[in-house]
All heavy atoms as atom14 arrays in JSON, in Angstrom:
{
  "sequence": "DWVAMRTKYFALALIPGKGSSEGAYLEGARKHAPDKGAMESYNIA",
  "atom14_mask": [
    [1, 1, 1, 1, 1, 1, 1, 1, 0, 0, 0, 0, 0, 0],
    [1, 1, 1, 1, 1, 1, 1, 1, 1, 1, 1, 1, 1, 1],
    [1, 1, 1, 1, 1, 1, 1, 0, 0, 0, 0, 0, 0, 0],
    [1, 1, 1, 1, 1, 0, 0, 0, 0, 0, 0, 0, 0, 0],
    [1, 1, 1, 1, 1, 1, 1, 1, 0, 0, 0, 0, 0, 0],
    [1, 1, 1, 1, 1, 1, 1, 1, 1, 1, 1, 0, 0, 0],
    [1, 1, 1, 1, 1, 1, 1, 0, 0, 0, 0, 0, 0, 0],
    [1, 1, 1, 1, 1, 1, 1, 1, 1, 0, 0, 0, 0, 0],
    [1, 1, 1, 1, 1, 1, 1, 1, 1, 1, 1, 1, 0, 0],
    [1, 1, 1, 1, 1, 1, 1, 1, 1, 1, 1, 0, 0, 0],
    [1, 1, 1, 1, 1, 0, 0, 0, 0, 0, 0, 0, 0, 0],
    [1, 1, 1, 1, 1, 1, 1, 1, 0, 0, 0, 0, 0, 0],
    [1, 1, 1, 1, 1, 0, 0, 0, 0, 0, 0, 0, 0, 0],
    [1, 1, 1, 1, 1, 1, 1, 1, 0, 0, 0, 0, 0, 0],
    [1, 1, 1, 1, 1, 1, 1, 1, 0, 0, 0, 0, 0, 0],
    [1, 1, 1, 1, 1, 1, 1, 0, 0, 0, 0, 0, 0, 0],
    [1, 1, 1, 1, 0, 0, 0, 0, 0, 0, 0, 0, 0, 0],
    [1, 1, 1, 1, 1, 1, 1, 1, 1, 0, 0, 0, 0, 0],
    [1, 1, 1, 1, 0, 0, 0, 0, 0, 0, 0, 0, 0, 0],
    [1, 1, 1, 1, 1, 1, 0, 0, 0, 0, 0, 0, 0, 0],
    [1, 1, 1, 1, 1, 1, 0, 0, 0, 0, 0, 0, 0, 0],
    [1, 1, 1, 1, 1, 1, 1, 1, 1, 0, 0, 0, 0, 0],
    [1, 1, 1, 1, 0, 0, 0, 0, 0, 0, 0, 0, 0, 0],
    [1, 1, 1, 1, 1, 0, 0, 0, 0, 0, 0, 0, 0, 0],
    [1, 1, 1, 1, 1, 1, 1, 1, 1, 1, 1, 1, 0, 0],
    [1, 1, 1, 1, 1, 1, 1, 1, 0, 0, 0, 0, 0, 0],
    [1, 1, 1, 1, 1, 1, 1, 1, 1, 0, 0, 0, 0, 0],
    [1, 1, 1, 1, 0, 0, 0, 0, 0, 0, 0, 0, 0, 0],
    [1, 1, 1, 1, 1, 0, 0, 0, 0, 0, 0, 0, 0, 0],
    [1, 1, 1, 1, 1, 1, 1, 1, 1, 1, 1, 0, 0, 0],
    [1, 1, 1, 1, 1, 1, 1, 1, 1, 0, 0, 0, 0, 0],
    [1, 1, 1, 1, 1, 1, 1, 1, 1, 1, 0, 0, 0, 0],
    [1, 1, 1, 1, 1, 0, 0, 0, 0, 0, 0, 0, 0, 0],
    [1, 1, 1, 1, 1, 1, 1, 0, 0, 0, 0, 0, 0, 0],
    [1, 1, 1, 1, 1, 1, 1, 1, 0, 0, 0, 0, 0, 0],
    [1, 1, 1, 1, 1, 1, 1, 1, 1, 0, 0, 0, 0, 0],
    [1, 1, 1, 1, 0, 0, 0, 0, 0, 0, 0, 0, 0, 0],
    [1, 1, 1, 1, 1, 0, 0, 0, 0, 0, 0, 0, 0, 0],
    [1, 1, 1, 1, 1, 1, 1, 1, 0, 0, 0, 0, 0, 0],
    [1, 1, 1, 1, 1, 1, 1, 1, 1, 0, 0, 0, 0, 0],
    [1, 1, 1, 1, 1, 1, 0, 0, 0, 0, 0, 0, 0, 0],
    [1, 1, 1, 1, 1, 1, 1, 1, 1, 1, 1, 1, 0, 0],
    [1, 1, 1, 1, 1, 1, 1, 1, 0, 0, 0, 0, 0, 0],
    [1, 1, 1, 1, 1, 1, 1, 1, 0, 0, 0, 0, 0, 0],
    [1, 1, 1, 1, 1, 0, 0, 0, 0, 0, 0, 0, 0, 0]
  ],
  "atom14_positions": [
    [[-73.43, -14.78, 210.68], [-72.25, -13.93, 210.55], [-72.59, -12.45, 210.75], [-71.82, -11.7, 211.31], [-71.6, -14.13, 209.18], [-71.1, -15.55, 208.98], [-70.33, -16.02, 209.83], [-71.51, -16.19, 208.0], [0.0, 0.0, 0.0], [0.0, 0.0, 0.0], [0.0, 0.0, 0.0], [0.0, 0.0, 0.0], [0.0, 0.0, 0.0], [0.0, 0.0, 0.0]],
    [[-73.76, -12.06, 210.26], [-74.21, -10.68, 210.44], [-75.67, -10.55, 210.02], [-76.22, -11.4, 209.31], [-73.34, -9.69, 209.63], [-73.04, -10.08, 208.21], [-71.91, -10.71, 207.75], [-73.87, -9.89, 207.05], [-71.98, -10.9, 206.39], [-73.17, -10.4, 205.93], [-75.12, -9.32, 206.85], [-73.68, -10.37, 204.63], [-75.65, -9.28, 205.55], [-74.92, -9.81, 204.47]],
    [[-76.29, -9.48, 210.48], [-77.6, -9.06, 210.0], [-77.45, -7.62, 209.53], [-76.59, -6.88, 210.02], [-78.7, -9.18, 211.07], [-78.95, -10.63, 211.44], [-78.36, -8.36, 212.3], [0.0, 0.0, 0.0], [0.0, 0.0, 0.0], [0.0, 0.0, 0.0], [0.0, 0.0, 0.0], [0.0, 0.0, 0.0], [0.0, 0.0, 0.0], [0.0, 0.0, 0.0]],
    [[-78.27, -7.22, 208.57], [-78.11, -5.89, 208.0], [-79.42, -5.39, 207.42], [-80.36, -6.16, 207.19], [-77.02, -5.9, 206.92], [0.0, 0.0, 0.0], [0.0, 0.0, 0.0], [0.0, 0.0, 0.0], [0.0, 0.0, 0.0], [0.0, 0.0, 0.0], [0.0, 0.0, 0.0], [0.0, 0.0, 0.0], [0.0, 0.0, 0.0], [0.0, 0.0, 0.0]],
    [[-79.47, -4.09, 207.18], [-80.55, -3.46, 206.44], [-79.93, -2.37, 205.58], [-78.82, -1.91, 205.82], [-81.59, -2.85, 207.39], [-81.09, -1.67, 208.2], [-82.36, -0.91, 209.23], [-82.49, -2.12, 210.55], [0.0, 0.0, 0.0], [0.0, 0.0, 0.0], [0.0, 0.0, 0.0], [0.0, 0.0, 0.0], [0.0, 0.0, 0.0], [0.0, 0.0, 0.0]],
    [[-80.66, -1.97, 204.53], [-80.13, -0.95, 203.64], [-81.24, -0.11, 203.04], [-82.41, -0.5, 203.03], [-79.31, -1.58, 202.52], [-80.12, -2.45, 201.57], [-79.35, -2.78, 200.3], [-79.13, -1.59, 199.49], [-78.54, -1.61, 198.3], [-78.1, -2.77, 197.81], [-78.38, -0.51, 197.61], [0.0, 0.0, 0.0], [0.0, 0.0, 0.0], [0.0, 0.0, 0.0]],
    [[-80.86, 1.08, 202.57], [-81.68, 1.88, 201.68], [-80.99, 1.8, 200.32], [-80.28, 0.84, 200.04], [-81.81, 3.32, 202.19], [-80.5, 3.88, 202.36], [-82.56, 3.35, 203.51], [0.0, 0.0, 0.0], [0.0, 0.0, 0.0], [0.0, 0.0, 0.0], [0.0, 0.0, 0.0], [0.0, 0.0, 0.0], [0.0, 0.0, 0.0], [0.0, 0.0, 0.0]],
    [[-81.14, 2.81, 199.46], [-80.51, 2.71, 198.15], [-78.99, 2.8, 198.25], [-78.28, 2.01, 197.61], [-81.03, 3.81, 197.23], [-80.48, 3.7, 195.8], [-81.11, 4.69, 194.86], [-80.59, 4.49, 193.43], [-81.19, 5.42, 192.46], [0.0, 0.0, 0.0], [0.0, 0.0, 0.0], [0.0, 0.0, 0.0], [0.0, 0.0, 0.0], [0.0, 0.0, 0.0]],
    [[-78.49, 3.73, 199.04], [-77.05, 3.97, 199.08], [-76.4, 3.8, 200.44], [-75.18, 3.93, 200.56], [-76.74, 5.38, 198.56], [-77.0, 5.55, 197.08], [-77.96, 6.44, 196.62], [-76.28, 4.82, 196.14], [-78.2, 6.61, 195.27], [-76.51, 4.97, 194.79], [-77.47, 5.87, 194.35], [-77.69, 6.02, 193.0], [0.0, 0.0, 0.0], [0.0, 0.0, 0.0]],
    [[-77.18, 3.51, 201.49], [-76.61, 3.44, 202.82], [-77.12, 2.19, 203.54], [-78.19, 1.66, 203.23], [-76.94, 4.7, 203.62], [-76.44, 5.96, 202.95], [-77.29, 6.76, 202.21], [-75.1, 6.3, 203.03], [-76.82, 7.89, 201.57], [-74.62, 7.43, 202.4], [-75.48, 8.24, 201.66], [0.0, 0.0, 0.0], [0.0, 0.0, 0.0], [0.0, 0.0, 0.0]],
    [[-76.31, 1.74, 204.5], [-76.62, 0.47, 205.15], [-76.23, 0.49, 206.61], [-75.42, 1.3, 207.07], [-75.89, -0.67, 204.44], [0.0, 0.0, 0.0], [0.0, 0.0, 0.0], [0.0, 0.0, 0.0], [0.0, 0.0, 0.0], [0.0, 0.0, 0.0], [0.0, 0.0, 0.0], [0.0, 0.0, 0.0], [0.0, 0.0, 0.0], [0.0, 0.0, 0.0]],
    [[-76.84, -0.43, 207.35], [-76.48, -0.7, 208.74], [-76.3, -2.2, 208.89], [-77.09, -2.98, 208.34], [-77.57, -0.2, 209.69], [-77.34, -0.56, 211.16], [-77.7, 0.61, 212.06], [-78.15, -1.78, 211.58], [0.0, 0.0, 0.0], [0.0, 0.0, 0.0], [0.0, 0.0, 0.0], [0.0, 0.0, 0.0], [0.0, 0.0, 0.0], [0.0, 0.0, 0.0]],
    [[-75.27, -2.6, 209.61], [-75.03, -4.03, 209.85], [-74.64, -4.26, 211.31], [-73.88, -3.47, 211.88], [-73.95, -4.56, 208.92], [0.0, 0.0, 0.0], [0.0, 0.0, 0.0], [0.0, 0.0, 0.0], [0.0, 0.0, 0.0], [0.0, 0.0, 0.0], [0.0, 0.0, 0.0], [0.0, 0.0, 0.0], [0.0, 0.0, 0.0], [0.0, 0.0, 0.0]],
    [[-75.18, -5.3, 211.9], [-74.78, -5.76, 213.23], [-73.95, -7.01, 213.04], [-74.44, -8.03, 212.51], [-76.01, -6.06, 214.09], [-77.03, -4.92, 214.28], [-78.2, -5.4, 215.14], [-76.37, -3.7, 214.91], [0.0, 0.0, 0.0], [0.0, 0.0, 0.0], [0.0, 0.0, 0.0], [0.0, 0.0, 0.0], [0.0, 0.0, 0.0], [0.0, 0.0, 0.0]],
    [[-72.68, -6.93, 213.46], [-71.74, -8.02, 213.2], [-71.26, -8.58, 214.54], [-70.41, -7.98, 215.21], [-70.53, -7.51, 212.39], [-71.01, -6.75, 211.15], [-69.62, -8.66, 212.01], [-69.93, -5.95, 210.47], [0.0, 0.0, 0.0], [0.0, 0.0, 0.0], [0.0, 0.0, 0.0], [0.0, 0.0, 0.0], [0.0, 0.0, 0.0], [0.0, 0.0, 0.0]],
    [[-71.8, -9.71, 214.97], [-71.36, -10.29, 216.25], [-69.97, -10.9, 216.13], [-69.5, -11.18, 215.01], [-72.42, -11.36, 216.52], [-72.9, -11.78, 215.16], [-72.84, -10.53, 214.32], [0.0, 0.0, 0.0], [0.0, 0.0, 0.0], [0.0, 0.0, 0.0], [0.0, 0.0, 0.0], [0.0, 0.0, 0.0], [0.0, 0.0, 0.0], [0.0, 0.0, 0.0]],
    [[-69.3, -11.08, 217.26], [-68.01, -11.76, 217.25], [-68.14, -13.13, 216.61], [-69.2, -13.78, 216.69], [0.0, 0.0, 0.0], [0.0, 0.0, 0.0], [0.0, 0.0, 0.0], [0.0, 0.0, 0.0], [0.0, 0.0, 0.0], [0.0, 0.0, 0.0], [0.0, 0.0, 0.0], [0.0, 0.0, 0.0], [0.0, 0.0, 0.0], [0.0, 0.0, 0.0]],
    [[-67.1, -13.59, 215.96], [-67.15, -14.83, 215.2], [-67.64, -16.0, 216.04], [-67.08, -16.31, 217.09], [-65.77, -15.13, 214.62], [-65.77, -16.3, 213.64], [-64.43, -16.45, 212.96], [-64.47, -17.58, 211.94], [-63.17, -17.75, 211.24], [0.0, 0.0, 0.0], [0.0, 0.0, 0.0], [0.0, 0.0, 0.0], [0.0, 0.0, 0.0], [0.0, 0.0, 0.0]],
    [[-68.73, -16.63, 215.56], [-69.27, -17.81, 216.22], [-69.99, -17.55, 217.52], [-70.35, -18.5, 218.23], [0.0, 0.0, 0.0], [0.0, 0.0, 0.0], [0.0, 0.0, 0.0], [0.0, 0.0, 0.0], [0.0, 0.0, 0.0], [0.0, 0.0, 0.0], [0.0, 0.0, 0.0], [0.0, 0.0, 0.0], [0.0, 0.0, 0.0], [0.0, 0.0, 0.0]],
    [[-70.25, -16.26, 217.85], [-70.83, -15.97, 219.17], [-72.34, -15.87, 219.17], [-72.97, -15.82, 220.23], [-70.25, -14.66, 219.71], [-70.6, -13.57, 218.87], [0.0, 0.0, 0.0], [0.0, 0.0, 0.0], [0.0, 0.0, 0.0], [0.0, 0.0, 0.0], [0.0, 0.0, 0.0], [0.0, 0.0, 0.0], [0.0, 0.0, 0.0], [0.0, 0.0, 0.0]],
    [[-72.97, -15.83, 218.01], [-74.43, -15.67, 217.94], [-75.12, -17.02, 217.89], [-74.49, -18.06, 217.68], [-74.81, -14.84, 216.71], [-74.45, -15.55, 215.53], [0.0, 0.0, 0.0], [0.0, 0.0, 0.0], [0.0, 0.0, 0.0], [0.0, 0.0, 0.0], [0.0, 0.0, 0.0], [0.0, 0.0, 0.0], [0.0, 0.0, 0.0], [0.0, 0.0, 0.0]],
    [[-76.42, -17.0, 218.04], [-77.19, -18.24, 217.92], [-78.49, -18.05, 217.15], [-79.41, -18.87, 217.26], [-77.48, -18.82, 219.32], [-78.33, -17.96, 220.22], [-78.62, -18.65, 221.55], [-77.85, -19.55, 221.9], [-79.62, -18.29, 222.2], [0.0, 0.0, 0.0], [0.0, 0.0, 0.0], [0.0, 0.0, 0.0], [0.0, 0.0, 0.0], [0.0, 0.0, 0.0]],
    [[-78.58, -16.98, 216.37], [-79.76, -16.77, 215.55], [-79.96, -15.31, 215.2], [-79.16, -14.45, 215.54], [0.0, 0.0, 0.0], [0.0, 0.0, 0.0], [0.0, 0.0, 0.0], [0.0, 0.0, 0.0], [0.0, 0.0, 0.0], [0.0, 0.0, 0.0], [0.0, 0.0, 0.0], [0.0, 0.0, 0.0], [0.0, 0.0, 0.0], [0.0, 0.0, 0.0]],
    [[-81.04, -15.06, 214.47], [-81.33, -13.69, 214.03], [-82.83, -13.54, 213.83], [-83.57, -14.53, 213.7], [-80.58, -13.37, 212.75], [0.0, 0.0, 0.0], [0.0, 0.0, 0.0], [0.0, 0.0, 0.0], [0.0, 0.0, 0.0], [0.0, 0.0, 0.0], [0.0, 0.0, 0.0], [0.0, 0.0, 0.0], [0.0, 0.0, 0.0], [0.0, 0.0, 0.0]],
    [[-83.25, -12.29, 213.78], [-84.65, -11.98, 213.52], [-84.71, -10.78, 212.59], [-84.01, -9.78, 212.78], [-85.39, -11.67, 214.83], [-86.84, -11.24, 214.62], [-87.82, -12.18, 214.31], [-87.21, -9.9, 214.71], [-89.13, -11.79, 214.11], [-88.52, -9.51, 214.52], [-89.48, -10.45, 214.21], [-90.78, -10.06, 214.01], [0.0, 0.0, 0.0], [0.0, 0.0, 0.0]],
    [[-85.56, -10.87, 211.55], [-85.77, -9.79, 210.59], [-87.25, -9.5, 210.47], [-88.07, -10.43, 210.44], [-85.23, -10.18, 209.21], [-83.81, -10.74, 209.11], [-83.53, -11.2, 207.68], [-82.79, -9.7, 209.53], [0.0, 0.0, 0.0], [0.0, 0.0, 0.0], [0.0, 0.0, 0.0], [0.0, 0.0, 0.0], [0.0, 0.0, 0.0], [0.0, 0.0, 0.0]],
    [[-87.58, -8.23, 210.37], [-88.98, -7.83, 210.21], [-89.04, -6.54, 209.4], [-88.19, -5.66, 209.56], [-89.65, -7.62, 211.58], [-91.12, -7.24, 211.49], [-91.71, -6.94, 212.86], [-90.97, -6.4, 213.71], [-92.9, -7.23, 213.06], [0.0, 0.0, 0.0], [0.0, 0.0, 0.0], [0.0, 0.0, 0.0], [0.0, 0.0, 0.0], [0.0, 0.0, 0.0]],
    [[-90.02, -6.45, 208.5], [-90.13, -5.26, 207.66], [-91.54, -4.72, 207.61], [-92.52, -5.43, 207.86], [0.0, 0.0, 0.0], [0.0, 0.0, 0.0], [0.0, 0.0, 0.0], [0.0, 0.0, 0.0], [0.0, 0.0, 0.0], [0.0, 0.0, 0.0], [0.0, 0.0, 0.0], [0.0, 0.0, 0.0], [0.0, 0.0, 0.0], [0.0, 0.0, 0.0]],
    [[-91.64, -3.43, 207.28], [-92.94, -2.77, 207.15], [-92.83, -1.67, 206.11], [-91.76, -1.08, 205.92], [-93.4, -2.2, 208.48], [0.0, 0.0, 0.0], [0.0, 0.0, 0.0], [0.0, 0.0, 0.0], [0.0, 0.0, 0.0], [0.0, 0.0, 0.0], [0.0, 0.0, 0.0], [0.0, 0.0, 0.0], [0.0, 0.0, 0.0], [0.0, 0.0, 0.0]],
    [[-93.91, -1.39, 205.45], [-93.98, -0.34, 204.43], [-95.16, 0.57, 204.72], [-96.22, 0.09, 205.13], [-94.11, -0.97, 203.04], [-94.06, 0.02, 201.87], [-94.28, -0.72, 200.56], [-94.29, 0.15, 199.4], [-93.27, 0.32, 198.57], [-92.14, -0.33, 198.8], [-93.35, 1.11, 197.52], [0.0, 0.0, 0.0], [0.0, 0.0, 0.0], [0.0, 0.0, 0.0]],
    [[-94.98, 1.86, 204.51], [-96.07, 2.81, 204.72], [-96.05, 3.86, 203.62], [-95.04, 4.06, 202.94], [-95.95, 3.47, 206.09], [-94.73, 4.37, 206.26], [-94.72, 5.02, 207.63], [-93.51, 5.95, 207.77], [-93.48, 6.61, 209.1], [0.0, 0.0, 0.0], [0.0, 0.0, 0.0], [0.0, 0.0, 0.0], [0.0, 0.0, 0.0], [0.0, 0.0, 0.0]],
    [[-97.19, 4.52, 203.44], [-97.3, 5.56, 202.43], [-96.57, 6.82, 202.88], [-96.45, 7.1, 204.08], [-98.76, 5.88, 202.16], [-99.53, 4.74, 201.55], [-99.21, 4.2, 200.33], [-100.6, 4.03, 202.02], [-100.05, 3.21, 200.05], [-100.9, 3.08, 201.05], [0.0, 0.0, 0.0], [0.0, 0.0, 0.0], [0.0, 0.0, 0.0], [0.0, 0.0, 0.0]],
    [[-96.07, 7.57, 201.9], [-95.4, 8.84, 202.15], [-96.05, 9.91, 201.26], [-96.76, 9.58, 200.3], [-93.91, 8.73, 201.86], [0.0, 0.0, 0.0], [0.0, 0.0, 0.0], [0.0, 0.0, 0.0], [0.0, 0.0, 0.0], [0.0, 0.0, 0.0], [0.0, 0.0, 0.0], [0.0, 0.0, 0.0], [0.0, 0.0, 0.0], [0.0, 0.0, 0.0]],
    [[-95.86, 11.19, 201.57], [-96.46, 12.26, 200.75], [-96.06, 12.18, 199.28], [-95.03, 11.62, 198.93], [-95.92, 13.54, 201.41], [-95.59, 13.14, 202.81], [-95.13, 11.72, 202.73], [0.0, 0.0, 0.0], [0.0, 0.0, 0.0], [0.0, 0.0, 0.0], [0.0, 0.0, 0.0], [0.0, 0.0, 0.0], [0.0, 0.0, 0.0], [0.0, 0.0, 0.0]],
    [[-96.9, 12.76, 198.42], [-96.64, 12.83, 196.97], [-96.46, 11.45, 196.36], [-95.53, 11.21, 195.57], [-95.41, 13.69, 196.69], [-95.57, 15.12, 197.18], [-96.68, 15.65, 197.08], [-94.58, 15.68, 197.67], [0.0, 0.0, 0.0], [0.0, 0.0, 0.0], [0.0, 0.0, 0.0], [0.0, 0.0, 0.0], [0.0, 0.0, 0.0], [0.0, 0.0, 0.0]],
    [[-97.34, 10.51, 196.74], [-97.35, 9.16, 196.2], [-96.05, 8.4, 196.5], [-95.66, 7.5, 195.75], [-97.58, 9.17, 194.68], [-98.9, 9.81, 194.26], [-99.08, 9.77, 192.75], [-100.37, 10.43, 192.33], [-100.55, 10.42, 190.85], [0.0, 0.0, 0.0], [0.0, 0.0, 0.0], [0.0, 0.0, 0.0], [0.0, 0.0, 0.0], [0.0, 0.0, 0.0]],
    [[-95.38, 8.77, 197.57], [-94.14, 8.11, 197.96], [-94.38, 6.9, 198.83], [-95.52, 6.5, 199.1], [0.0, 0.0, 0.0], [0.0, 0.0, 0.0], [0.0, 0.0, 0.0], [0.0, 0.0, 0.0], [0.0, 0.0, 0.0], [0.0, 0.0, 0.0], [0.0, 0.0, 0.0], [0.0, 0.0, 0.0], [0.0, 0.0, 0.0], [0.0, 0.0, 0.0]],
    [[-93.29, 6.29, 199.27], [-93.36, 5.1, 200.12], [-92.11, 5.05, 201.0], [-91.03, 5.47, 200.59], [-93.47, 3.83, 199.3], [0.0, 0.0, 0.0], [0.0, 0.0, 0.0], [0.0, 0.0, 0.0], [0.0, 0.0, 0.0], [0.0, 0.0, 0.0], [0.0, 0.0, 0.0], [0.0, 0.0, 0.0], [0.0, 0.0, 0.0], [0.0, 0.0, 0.0]],
    [[-92.28, 4.54, 202.21], [-91.17, 4.4, 203.14], [-91.17, 2.98, 203.69], [-92.2, 2.47, 204.09], [-91.31, 5.39, 204.3], [-91.38, 6.85, 203.88], [-89.78, 7.55, 203.46], [-89.07, 7.74, 205.08], [0.0, 0.0, 0.0], [0.0, 0.0, 0.0], [0.0, 0.0, 0.0], [0.0, 0.0, 0.0], [0.0, 0.0, 0.0], [0.0, 0.0, 0.0]],
    [[-90.0, 2.37, 203.7], [-89.85, 1.04, 204.28], [-88.95, 1.13, 205.51], [-87.95, 1.86, 205.51], [-89.26, 0.06, 203.27], [-90.21, -0.26, 202.13], [-89.66, -1.29, 201.16], [-88.68, -1.98, 201.54], [-90.18, -1.39, 200.04], [0.0, 0.0, 0.0], [0.0, 0.0, 0.0], [0.0, 0.0, 0.0], [0.0, 0.0, 0.0], [0.0, 0.0, 0.0]],
    [[-89.32, 0.39, 206.54], [-88.54, 0.38, 207.78], [-88.35, -1.07, 208.22], [-89.26, -1.9, 208.1], [-89.26, 1.16, 208.88], [-88.52, 1.15, 210.07], [0.0, 0.0, 0.0], [0.0, 0.0, 0.0], [0.0, 0.0, 0.0], [0.0, 0.0, 0.0], [0.0, 0.0, 0.0], [0.0, 0.0, 0.0], [0.0, 0.0, 0.0], [0.0, 0.0, 0.0]],
    [[-87.15, -1.36, 208.72], [-86.82, -2.74, 209.09], [-86.33, -2.82, 210.53], [-85.7, -1.89, 211.04], [-85.78, -3.31, 208.13], [-86.35, -3.5, 206.74], [-86.26, -2.48, 205.8], [-87.02, -4.66, 206.4], [-86.81, -2.62, 204.54], [-87.57, -4.83, 205.14], [-87.47, -3.8, 204.21], [-88.02, -3.96, 202.97], [0.0, 0.0, 0.0], [0.0, 0.0, 0.0]],
    [[-86.65, -3.93, 211.13], [-86.23, -4.25, 212.49], [-85.34, -5.49, 212.4], [-85.77, -6.53, 211.9], [-87.46, -4.51, 213.36], [-87.11, -4.95, 214.77], [-85.94, -5.04, 215.14], [-88.13, -5.25, 215.55], [0.0, 0.0, 0.0], [0.0, 0.0, 0.0], [0.0, 0.0, 0.0], [0.0, 0.0, 0.0], [0.0, 0.0, 0.0], [0.0, 0.0, 0.0]],
    [[-84.09, -5.36, 212.83], [-83.18, -6.5, 212.78], [-82.63, -6.78, 214.17], [-82.51, -5.87, 215.0], [-82.02, -6.27, 211.79], [-81.17, -5.07, 212.21], [-82.54, -6.11, 210.37], [-79.95, -4.84, 211.32], [0.0, 0.0, 0.0], [0.0, 0.0, 0.0], [0.0, 0.0, 0.0], [0.0, 0.0, 0.0], [0.0, 0.0, 0.0], [0.0, 0.0, 0.0]],
    [[-82.33, -8.03, 214.43], [-81.81, -8.42, 215.75], [-80.87, -9.61, 215.61], [-81.08, -10.5, 214.78], [-82.96, -8.78, 216.69], [0.0, 0.0, 0.0], [0.0, 0.0, 0.0], [0.0, 0.0, 0.0], [0.0, 0.0, 0.0], [0.0, 0.0, 0.0], [0.0, 0.0, 0.0], [0.0, 0.0, 0.0], [0.0, 0.0, 0.0], [0.0, 0.0, 0.0]]
  ]
}
């Protein structure tokens, strides 16, 4: 029905026409950020 990604307060979603898709792919990665922080990035299809 859809694939999506989000941060704490914001999101992105890819919504294909009803019944028109045939699968999905999700992938994630995490990396260090300054001041002991962290960043996550996602690839959706």
